[in-house]
Amino acid sequence: MTALRKILALLIIFLLGLPILFGIIWITGVTKATVSPEFISDLPQEIIAEIPDIAEEIFREAQDKNVISNENTRAWFQAAAEAGITPKQLMAEIGLLDWMENELSKSLAEIGEVLRGERRASTIVINLRPLKDILLHEEIDLQLMKILENLPPCDEEGYRDWRLIAEEGLGHYELPLCRPDLEVAKEALTRWRIEAVREIDDEIEVLKDVRFLPFGLSRGISTLSFILFVIPAFFIFIGALIAATSPASFCRWSGISIFLGSLPALFISLIAKYFSIWALSFIPYSYSVSSSSELHALILEKSSWIPIRIIDQLFSPVIVIAAIVCVIGIVIFALSFTVRDRTQKIAKVSK
């Protein structure tokens, strides 16, 4: 009879309790990460603040032959430098910096306030129409023309390539390193920008149809997800209750089951986090063209902290929750020795 009870307990715990516990740890961790103001509001604002300086560093180092060995790629950046304006200056000239630092940052700050419970939950609209106007600003055309003027004249093949770009779009060809007829170049580059801007939505609605939750949206959703732990706890404790022959064995069954259920979640989340960070170093080399690899490697180097922070924000809550559940399992298991000792003392006193 005792063997049958233990088999039934193992089936309940290993087929129901542990898989559900594993899933709830991941659900709760990822939910906590994706609704946190640090991830949705604070991190984007930090990235926005760093974009101009990152662009400046990429622009400056891309002209160095020790960084970019491909002459064509390096020549484009050198021609841009000779035009007399840096990326940060251009961003300021066309109003991009002002839009990012004010309107966009304000919308992100409002999202953070809603998530923290500092303001009522309501739909927040991020207006992208100013961005679309900025990307079509005539100053961009003027700077592009200045860059082209610093290039050597095109030969017959170069003219043909520019005409193909004007007719079919920039996505199918690499920009020739030569100065074509400026009207043809302007037509080609303007068409590409218009097509790119057309793909951008006019606005993005965030927190649409969100209802009030106590303690703020982030804490409210996180609290609801933590309540889900009642489900695996129910199956684990039922299984432990069936198998247990004493309070001490109940604690051992419960503690070991909780520990075994959370340990895979802890290991997998740790592996996923550090493997993702490690895999980032191989992204530039997935391109077949060497010049693209060099430029992408430079971009990744200067902005590597961004994906690393995103990965950290996504996986760290899962790791923390899994570690806490592991500790809970160890504590419950340790209690079994205390319960046993007390039981023995009571038995001796009764004798």
Protein backbone atom coordinates (compact mmCIF):
# COMPACT_ATOMS: atom_id res chain seq x y z
CA MET A 1 0.00 0.00 0.00
CA THR A 2 2.83 2.38 0.87
CA ALA A 3 4.51 1.67 -2.48
CA LEU A 4 1.30 2.44 -4.38
CA ARG A 5 0.91 5.72 -2.50
CA LYS A 6 4.47 6.73 -3.39
CA ILE A 7 3.97 5.81 -7.06
CA LEU A 8 0.76 7.86 -7.16
CA ALA A 9 2.55 10.75 -5.43
CA LEU A 10 5.43 10.63 -7.93
CA LEU A 11 2.99 10.64 -10.85
CA ILE A 12 1.16 13.69 -9.48
CA ILE A 13 4.36 15.57 -8.68
CA PHE A 14 6.42 14.74 -11.79
CA LEU A 15 3.59 14.80 -14.37
CA LEU A 16 1.69 17.78 -13.01
CA GLY A 17 3.45 19.67 -10.23
CA LEU A 18 6.97 20.04 -11.62
CA PRO A 19 6.11 20.88 -15.29
CA ILE A 20 3.57 23.47 -14.13
CA LEU A 21 6.07 24.92 -11.64
CA PHE A 22 8.68 25.19 -14.41
CA GLY A 23 6.20 26.97 -16.69
CA ILE A 24 4.93 29.34 -13.99
CA ILE A 25 8.49 30.40 -13.11
CA TRP A 26 9.10 31.37 -16.73
CA ILE A 27 5.70 33.01 -17.18
CA THR A 28 6.07 35.05 -14.00
CA GLY A 29 9.66 36.06 -14.74
CA VAL A 30 9.05 37.10 -18.33
CA THR A 31 5.81 38.89 -17.38
CA LYS A 32 7.59 40.78 -14.62
CA ALA A 33 10.32 41.79 -17.09
CA THR A 34 8.08 42.87 -19.96
CA VAL A 35 5.70 45.01 -17.86
CA SER A 36 8.39 46.64 -15.74
CA PRO A 37 8.87 50.41 -16.14
CA GLU A 38 12.63 49.80 -16.22
CA PHE A 39 12.25 47.76 -19.42
CA ILE A 40 9.46 49.64 -21.21
CA SER A 41 10.19 53.22 -20.15
CA ASP A 42 13.59 53.76 -18.49
CA LEU A 43 15.77 51.66 -20.81
CA PRO A 44 14.41 53.23 -24.05
CA GLN A 45 15.02 56.70 -22.60
CA GLU A 46 18.57 55.72 -21.73
CA ILE A 47 19.12 54.41 -25.26
CA ILE A 48 17.70 57.62 -26.75
CA ALA A 49 20.12 59.68 -24.68
CA GLU A 50 23.09 57.64 -25.93
CA ILE A 51 22.19 57.40 -29.65
CA PRO A 52 23.83 60.71 -30.73
CA ASP A 53 27.15 59.85 -29.05
CA ILE A 54 27.09 56.30 -30.46
CA ALA A 55 26.49 57.69 -33.96
CA GLU A 56 29.39 60.10 -33.52
CA GLU A 57 31.78 57.34 -32.48
CA ILE A 58 30.76 55.10 -35.38
CA PHE A 59 31.09 57.99 -37.84
CA ARG A 60 34.55 58.89 -36.57
CA GLU A 61 36.00 55.38 -36.35
CA ALA A 62 34.55 54.25 -39.69
CA GLN A 63 37.04 56.60 -41.36
CA ASP A 64 39.98 54.77 -39.78
CA LYS A 65 41.60 52.16 -42.05
CA ASN A 66 42.56 50.15 -38.95
CA VAL A 67 38.84 49.74 -38.23
CA ILE A 68 37.33 49.61 -41.76
CA SER A 69 39.75 48.10 -44.25
CA ASN A 70 37.30 48.26 -47.19
CA GLU A 71 38.21 51.40 -49.15
CA ASN A 72 34.73 51.97 -50.60
CA THR A 73 33.01 51.88 -47.22
CA ARG A 74 35.66 54.10 -45.66
CA ALA A 75 35.50 56.54 -48.60
CA TRP A 76 31.77 57.13 -48.06
CA PHE A 77 32.38 58.12 -44.44
CA GLN A 78 35.31 60.31 -45.41
CA ALA A 79 33.18 62.06 -48.03
CA ALA A 80 30.54 62.64 -45.37
CA ALA A 81 33.16 64.10 -43.04
CA GLU A 82 34.33 66.47 -45.79
CA ALA A 83 30.74 67.72 -46.09
CA GLY A 84 31.37 69.48 -42.79
CA ILE A 85 28.61 68.11 -40.57
CA THR A 86 28.56 65.23 -38.08
CA PRO A 87 25.62 62.88 -37.39
CA LYS A 88 24.87 64.63 -34.09
CA GLN A 89 24.87 68.03 -35.75
CA LEU A 90 22.58 66.76 -38.51
CA MET A 91 20.19 65.27 -35.94
CA ALA A 92 20.04 68.63 -34.21
CA GLU A 93 19.65 70.52 -37.52
CA ILE A 94 16.64 68.52 -38.73
CA GLY A 95 14.97 68.40 -35.30
CA LEU A 96 15.49 64.70 -34.61
CA LEU A 97 17.31 65.31 -31.32
CA ASP A 98 14.59 67.66 -30.12
CA TRP A 99 11.86 65.14 -30.97
CA MET A 100 13.66 62.25 -29.24
CA GLU A 101 14.65 64.20 -26.13
CA ASN A 102 11.28 65.88 -25.66
CA GLU A 103 8.17 64.41 -27.31
CA LEU A 104 9.32 60.78 -27.44
CA SER A 105 10.94 60.84 -24.00
CA LYS A 106 7.82 62.48 -22.55
CA SER A 107 5.60 59.69 -23.91
CA LEU A 108 7.95 57.04 -22.54
CA ALA A 109 8.03 58.78 -19.15
CA GLU A 110 4.19 58.78 -19.10
CA ILE A 111 4.22 55.02 -19.78
CA GLY A 112 6.60 54.56 -16.84
CA GLU A 113 4.30 56.61 -14.58
CA VAL A 114 1.33 54.40 -15.49
CA LEU A 115 3.33 51.23 -14.87
CA ARG A 116 4.47 52.53 -11.47
CA GLY A 117 0.93 53.56 -10.53
CA GLU A 118 1.81 57.26 -10.43
CA ARG A 119 -0.99 58.17 -12.87
CA ARG A 120 -4.25 56.62 -14.02
CA ALA A 121 -4.02 53.94 -16.67
CA SER A 122 -5.01 55.28 -20.08
CA THR A 123 -4.03 54.97 -23.71
CA ILE A 124 -0.78 56.79 -24.45
CA VAL A 125 -0.15 57.74 -28.07
CA ILE A 126 3.39 58.03 -29.41
CA ASN A 127 3.08 60.44 -32.33
CA LEU A 128 5.42 59.44 -35.17
CA ARG A 129 4.23 62.05 -37.68
CA PRO A 130 6.95 64.54 -36.63
CA LEU A 131 9.54 61.78 -37.12
CA LYS A 132 8.27 61.11 -40.64
CA ASP A 133 8.48 64.82 -41.46
CA ILE A 134 12.00 64.95 -39.99
CA LEU A 135 13.19 62.05 -42.15
CA LEU A 136 11.99 63.92 -45.24
CA HIS A 137 13.60 67.19 -44.16
CA GLU A 138 15.24 69.11 -47.01
CA GLU A 139 18.43 69.49 -44.97
CA ILE A 140 19.02 65.76 -45.44
CA ASP A 141 18.90 66.29 -49.22
CA LEU A 142 21.38 69.14 -48.97
CA GLN A 143 23.84 67.08 -46.92
CA LEU A 144 23.52 64.10 -49.26
CA MET A 145 24.31 66.32 -52.21
CA LYS A 146 27.36 67.72 -50.38
CA ILE A 147 28.58 64.18 -49.75
CA LEU A 148 28.15 63.24 -53.41
CA GLU A 149 30.09 66.33 -54.51
CA ASN A 150 33.10 64.98 -52.60
CA LEU A 151 33.14 61.77 -54.64
CA PRO A 152 35.00 61.22 -57.93
CA PRO A 153 32.92 61.43 -61.16
CA CYS A 154 31.16 58.26 -62.31
CA ASP A 155 32.24 56.23 -65.31
CA GLU A 156 29.69 54.60 -67.62
CA GLU A 157 29.15 51.68 -65.27
CA GLY A 158 28.64 54.00 -62.31
CA TYR A 159 26.03 56.05 -64.19
CA ARG A 160 24.20 52.86 -65.12
CA ASP A 161 24.15 51.68 -61.51
CA TRP A 162 22.77 55.00 -60.30
CA ARG A 163 20.02 54.91 -62.94
CA LEU A 164 19.06 51.39 -61.86
CA ILE A 165 18.86 52.56 -58.25
CA ALA A 166 16.65 55.47 -59.30
CA GLU A 167 14.34 53.11 -61.19
CA GLU A 168 14.24 50.05 -58.92
CA GLY A 169 15.16 51.33 -55.47
CA LEU A 170 18.15 51.21 -53.16
CA GLY A 171 17.29 47.84 -51.66
CA HIS A 172 18.50 45.92 -54.70
CA TYR A 173 21.93 47.53 -55.17
CA GLU A 174 24.92 48.91 -53.31
CA LEU A 175 25.55 52.63 -53.74
CA PRO A 176 28.32 53.21 -56.32
CA LEU A 177 31.26 55.19 -54.94
CA CYS A 178 31.09 57.96 -57.53
CA ARG A 179 29.35 61.25 -58.28
CA PRO A 180 26.53 60.83 -60.82
CA ASP A 181 24.23 63.44 -62.22
CA LEU A 182 23.03 65.04 -58.97
CA GLU A 183 19.40 65.10 -60.09
CA VAL A 184 19.51 61.35 -60.74
CA ALA A 185 21.12 60.76 -57.33
CA LYS A 186 18.61 63.01 -55.59
CA GLU A 187 15.74 61.18 -57.26
CA ALA A 188 17.16 57.79 -56.21
CA LEU A 189 17.85 58.74 -52.60
CA THR A 190 14.61 60.67 -52.18
CA ARG A 191 12.60 57.74 -53.51
CA TRP A 192 14.32 55.41 -51.06
CA ARG A 193 13.59 57.74 -48.13
CA ILE A 194 9.95 58.17 -49.13
CA GLU A 195 9.48 54.40 -49.35
CA ALA A 196 11.15 53.91 -45.97
CA VAL A 197 9.04 56.63 -44.33
CA ARG A 198 5.86 55.18 -45.83
CA GLU A 199 6.48 51.98 -43.87
CA ILE A 200 6.38 53.91 -40.56
CA ASP A 201 3.01 54.14 -38.78
CA ASP A 202 1.64 57.59 -38.01
CA GLU A 203 1.28 56.75 -34.34
CA ILE A 204 1.65 53.93 -31.85
CA GLU A 205 -0.97 53.35 -29.16
CA VAL A 206 0.43 51.99 -25.92
CA LEU A 207 -1.58 50.62 -22.95
CA LYS A 208 -4.75 50.55 -25.05
CA ASP A 209 -7.85 49.27 -23.23
CA VAL A 210 -5.88 48.88 -19.99
CA ARG A 211 -8.05 48.79 -16.88
CA PHE A 212 -7.17 49.97 -13.39
CA LEU A 213 -5.09 47.64 -11.26
CA PRO A 214 -4.16 48.33 -7.61
CA PHE A 215 -0.54 49.21 -6.76
CA GLY A 216 0.11 50.22 -10.38
CA LEU A 217 -0.03 48.29 -13.62
CA SER A 218 3.40 46.69 -13.27
CA ARG A 219 2.93 45.56 -9.66
CA GLY A 220 -0.67 44.53 -10.35
CA ILE A 221 0.21 42.24 -13.25
CA SER A 222 3.24 40.86 -11.41
CA THR A 223 1.09 40.12 -8.34
CA LEU A 224 -1.48 38.30 -10.48
CA SER A 225 1.26 36.21 -12.10
CA PHE A 226 2.70 35.28 -8.66
CA ILE A 227 -0.74 33.99 -7.64
CA LEU A 228 -0.35 31.35 -10.34
CA PHE A 229 2.20 29.60 -8.09
CA VAL A 230 -0.80 28.29 -6.14
CA ILE A 231 -1.43 25.80 -8.98
CA PRO A 232 1.91 23.88 -8.88
CA ALA A 233 2.02 24.23 -5.09
CA PHE A 234 -1.36 22.49 -4.88
CA PHE A 235 -0.21 19.46 -6.92
CA ILE A 236 3.17 19.23 -5.14
CA PHE A 237 1.63 19.39 -1.66
CA ILE A 238 -1.13 16.92 -2.60
CA GLY A 239 1.52 14.51 -3.88
CA ALA A 240 3.65 15.03 -0.77
CA LEU A 241 0.60 14.52 1.46
CA ILE A 242 -0.19 11.21 -0.25
CA ALA A 243 3.38 9.92 0.04
CA ALA A 244 4.16 11.29 3.51
CA THR A 245 4.05 9.11 6.60
CA SER A 246 4.95 11.92 9.00
CA PRO A 247 5.33 15.71 9.07
CA ALA A 248 9.06 15.27 8.47
CA SER A 249 8.56 13.15 5.33
CA PHE A 250 5.95 15.64 4.09
CA CYS A 251 8.55 18.41 4.33
CA ARG A 252 11.15 16.26 2.57
CA TRP A 253 8.82 15.36 -0.30
CA SER A 254 7.66 18.96 -0.67
CA GLY A 255 11.13 20.50 -0.38
CA ILE A 256 12.83 18.11 -2.80
CA SER A 257 9.98 18.45 -5.32
CA ILE A 258 10.07 22.25 -5.24
CA PHE A 259 13.85 22.23 -5.57
CA LEU A 260 13.80 19.77 -8.50
CA GLY A 261 11.06 21.75 -10.24
CA SER A 262 12.86 25.09 -10.02
CA LEU A 263 16.41 23.90 -10.70
CA PRO A 264 15.90 23.28 -14.47
CA ALA A 265 14.28 26.71 -14.80
CA LEU A 266 17.30 28.28 -13.08
CA PHE A 267 19.84 26.45 -15.26
CA ILE A 268 17.98 27.03 -18.54
CA SER A 269 17.43 30.75 -17.85
CA LEU A 270 21.12 31.19 -16.97
CA ILE A 271 22.19 29.31 -20.11
CA ALA A 272 19.73 31.25 -22.29
CA LYS A 273 20.95 34.60 -20.93
CA TYR A 274 24.67 34.03 -21.32
CA PHE A 275 24.35 32.09 -24.58
CA SER A 276 22.36 34.99 -26.08
CA ILE A 277 25.02 37.48 -24.99
CA TRP A 278 27.78 35.23 -26.37
CA ALA A 279 25.90 34.76 -29.68
CA LEU A 280 25.79 38.54 -30.21
CA SER A 281 29.49 38.52 -31.01
CA PHE A 282 28.82 36.39 -34.11
CA ILE A 283 26.10 38.59 -35.63
CA PRO A 284 28.41 40.73 -37.81
CA TYR A 285 30.01 37.65 -39.35
CA SER A 286 26.66 36.33 -40.60
CA TYR A 287 26.98 38.73 -43.55
CA SER A 288 28.71 37.49 -46.68
CA VAL A 289 30.15 40.87 -47.73
CA SER A 290 33.33 41.73 -45.82
CA SER A 291 32.65 45.48 -45.82
CA SER A 292 29.24 44.85 -44.27
CA SER A 293 30.84 42.62 -41.66
CA GLU A 294 33.33 45.32 -40.68
CA LEU A 295 30.71 48.04 -40.46
CA HIS A 296 28.23 45.85 -38.61
CA ALA A 297 30.98 44.75 -36.23
CA LEU A 298 31.73 48.42 -35.50
CA ILE A 299 28.06 49.23 -34.96
CA LEU A 300 27.65 46.21 -32.68
CA GLU A 301 30.76 47.14 -30.71
CA LYS A 302 29.53 50.67 -30.04
CA SER A 303 25.96 49.63 -29.24
CA SER A 304 26.61 46.22 -27.68
CA TRP A 305 25.42 47.39 -24.27
CA ILE A 306 21.89 47.85 -25.67
CA PRO A 307 21.10 44.21 -26.56
CA ILE A 308 23.01 43.07 -23.47
CA ARG A 309 20.81 45.26 -21.27
CA ILE A 310 17.69 44.01 -23.04
CA ILE A 311 18.71 40.37 -22.58
CA ASP A 312 19.58 41.04 -18.94
CA GLN A 313 16.22 42.71 -18.32
CA LEU A 314 14.36 39.78 -19.89
CA PHE A 315 16.13 36.86 -18.24
CA SER A 316 17.19 38.25 -14.85
CA PRO A 317 13.67 38.12 -13.31
CA VAL A 318 13.35 34.47 -14.37
CA ILE A 319 16.74 33.72 -12.79
CA VAL A 320 15.85 35.52 -9.56
CA ILE A 321 12.43 33.86 -9.22
CA ALA A 322 13.87 30.40 -9.98
CA ALA A 323 16.63 30.96 -7.41
CA ILE A 324 14.09 32.06 -4.77
CA VAL A 325 11.94 28.98 -5.41
CA CYS A 326 15.08 26.80 -5.15
CA VAL A 327 15.87 28.37 -1.76
CA ILE A 328 12.27 27.81 -0.62
CA GLY A 329 12.61 24.13 -1.52
CA ILE A 330 15.90 23.87 0.41
CA VAL A 331 14.39 25.62 3.45
CA ILE A 332 11.35 23.31 3.49
CA PHE A 333 13.64 20.28 3.18
CA ALA A 334 15.80 21.58 6.06
CA LEU A 335 12.68 21.96 8.19
CA SER A 336 12.11 18.25 7.92
CA PHE A 337 15.05 17.61 10.29
CA THR A 338 13.65 20.08 12.82
CA VAL A 339 10.24 18.45 12.64
CA ARG A 340 11.79 14.99 13.10
CA ASP A 341 13.79 16.12 16.13
CA ARG A 342 10.73 17.62 17.76
CA THR A 343 8.74 14.48 17.05
CA GLN A 344 11.44 12.36 18.71
CA LYS A 345 11.50 14.65 21.77
CA ILE A 346 7.73 14.45 22.13
CA ALA A 347 7.89 10.67 21.85
CA LYS A 348 10.56 10.47 24.60
CA VAL A 349 8.57 12.73 26.91
CA SER A 350 5.44 10.63 26.45
CA LYS A 351 7.36 7.51 27.48
